[in-house]
């Protein structure tokens, strides 16, 4: 079961972000393939609509953070934590746990460190 989760997570992460060049590691725009995420988390129709809106909002926030000349890392961190907070309210415990693992893996793959320095 864990192997299946890992494989699905890797497939999601790779397919969502494969087109971005390595030099833009810190400039991830927050784009998420909502259809794949919906299938991976087995979302209900209502959840899919809410998660889709959350993903759109997250992408807007990440784009704003990346364009900012001041406190870029803080703004990226806030966008990520805001996304996680909204997802926690929308998903059940199992779905959120899977989403959190997926987000963590994606951030690591993108070279984004959300720990305060």
Protein backbone atom coordinates (compact mmCIF):
# COMPACT_ATOMS: atom_id res chain seq x y z
CA UNK A 1 0.00 0.00 0.00
CA UNK A 2 2.77 2.47 0.91
CA UNK A 3 4.64 1.59 -2.28
CA UNK A 4 1.49 2.36 -4.29
CA UNK A 5 1.15 5.70 -2.53
CA UNK A 6 4.78 6.54 -3.23
CA UNK A 7 4.52 5.55 -6.90
CA UNK A 8 1.29 7.53 -7.32
CA UNK A 9 2.84 10.52 -5.59
CA UNK A 10 5.94 10.41 -7.73
CA UNK A 11 3.89 10.04 -10.89
CA UNK A 12 1.74 13.01 -9.88
CA UNK A 13 4.74 15.13 -8.94
CA UNK A 14 6.65 14.31 -12.11
CA UNK A 15 3.70 14.75 -14.45
CA UNK A 16 2.64 18.05 -12.92
CA UNK A 17 6.04 19.66 -12.97
CA UNK A 18 8.02 17.89 -15.68
CA UNK A 19 7.94 20.81 -18.11
CA UNK A 20 9.64 23.30 -15.82
CA UNK A 21 13.35 23.88 -16.29
CA UNK A 22 15.65 23.30 -13.32
CA UNK A 23 16.84 26.90 -13.13
CA UNK A 24 13.32 27.96 -12.09
CA UNK A 25 13.32 25.80 -8.97
CA UNK A 26 12.51 28.70 -6.64
CA UNK A 27 9.97 30.14 -9.06
CA UNK A 28 7.37 27.35 -9.03
CA UNK A 29 4.10 29.05 -9.89
CA UNK A 30 2.00 26.67 -7.81
CA UNK A 31 0.30 25.09 -10.80
CA UNK A 32 -1.28 21.75 -9.87
CA UNK A 33 -2.95 19.26 -12.19
CA UNK A 34 -6.37 19.26 -10.53
CA UNK A 35 -7.70 16.25 -12.45
CA UNK A 36 -4.82 14.04 -11.37
CA UNK A 37 -5.03 15.34 -7.82
CA UNK A 38 -8.76 14.60 -7.77
CA UNK A 39 -8.18 11.03 -8.91
CA UNK A 40 -5.25 10.52 -6.51
CA UNK A 41 -7.22 11.74 -3.49
CA UNK A 42 -10.51 10.17 -4.66
CA UNK A 43 -12.39 13.43 -4.22
CA UNK A 44 -16.16 13.71 -4.22
CA UNK A 45 -17.73 16.12 -6.72
CA UNK A 46 -18.13 18.80 -4.03
CA UNK A 47 -14.57 18.31 -2.84
CA UNK A 48 -13.31 18.51 -6.42
CA UNK A 49 -14.94 21.92 -6.88
CA UNK A 50 -13.53 23.23 -3.59
CA UNK A 51 -10.06 21.79 -4.20
CA UNK A 52 -10.05 23.24 -7.71
CA UNK A 53 -10.80 26.71 -6.30
CA UNK A 54 -8.11 26.28 -3.62
CA UNK A 55 -5.57 25.26 -6.28
CA UNK A 56 -6.45 28.29 -8.40
CA UNK A 57 -6.08 30.58 -5.38
CA UNK A 58 -2.76 28.93 -4.49
CA UNK A 59 -1.41 29.51 -8.00
CA UNK A 60 -2.37 33.20 -7.78
CA UNK A 61 -0.67 33.52 -4.39
CA UNK A 62 2.50 31.76 -5.59
CA UNK A 63 2.69 34.00 -8.66
CA UNK A 64 2.36 37.09 -6.48
CA UNK A 65 5.01 35.76 -4.09
CA UNK A 66 7.41 35.04 -6.93
CA UNK A 67 6.98 38.52 -8.37
CA UNK A 68 7.60 40.18 -5.03
CA UNK A 69 10.95 41.85 -4.57
CA UNK A 70 10.70 41.83 -0.76
CA UNK A 71 10.21 38.85 1.56
CA UNK A 72 9.79 36.43 -1.33
CA UNK A 73 10.51 33.41 0.90
CA UNK A 74 8.03 34.60 3.54
CA UNK A 75 5.33 35.10 0.94
CA UNK A 76 5.95 31.67 -0.58
CA UNK A 77 5.80 30.15 2.91
CA UNK A 78 2.51 31.97 3.64
CA UNK A 79 1.00 30.81 0.34
CA UNK A 80 1.94 27.20 1.09
CA UNK A 81 0.62 27.25 4.65
CA UNK A 82 -2.56 28.97 3.50
CA UNK A 83 -3.02 26.22 0.90
CA UNK A 84 -2.50 23.51 3.50
CA UNK A 85 -4.93 25.18 5.90
CA UNK A 86 -7.65 25.42 3.25
CA UNK A 87 -7.07 21.83 2.14
CA UNK A 88 -7.28 20.60 5.74
CA UNK A 89 -10.75 22.15 6.00
CA UNK A 90 -11.87 20.54 2.74
CA UNK A 91 -10.36 17.04 2.84
CA UNK A 92 -10.93 14.19 5.26
CA UNK A 93 -8.02 13.10 7.47
CA UNK A 94 -6.73 10.39 5.08
CA UNK A 95 -6.98 12.63 2.03
CA UNK A 96 -5.24 15.49 3.82
CA UNK A 97 -2.46 13.21 5.03
CA UNK A 98 -1.90 12.03 1.45
CA UNK A 99 -2.03 15.61 0.16
CA UNK A 100 0.43 16.80 2.80
CA UNK A 101 2.89 14.06 1.84
CA UNK A 102 2.48 14.91 -1.83
CA UNK A 103 2.98 18.64 -1.21
CA UNK A 104 6.05 17.95 0.93
CA UNK A 105 7.57 15.77 -1.79
CA UNK A 106 6.76 18.35 -4.46
CA UNK A 107 8.32 21.18 -2.45
CA UNK A 108 11.44 19.09 -1.89
CA UNK A 109 11.63 18.30 -5.61
CA UNK A 110 11.23 22.00 -6.41
CA UNK A 111 13.97 22.95 -3.95
CA UNK A 112 11.59 25.03 -1.85
CA UNK A 113 12.40 25.13 1.86
CA UNK A 114 9.55 26.49 3.97
CA UNK A 115 11.44 26.32 7.27
CA UNK A 116 12.10 29.73 8.79
CA UNK A 117 15.74 30.66 8.77
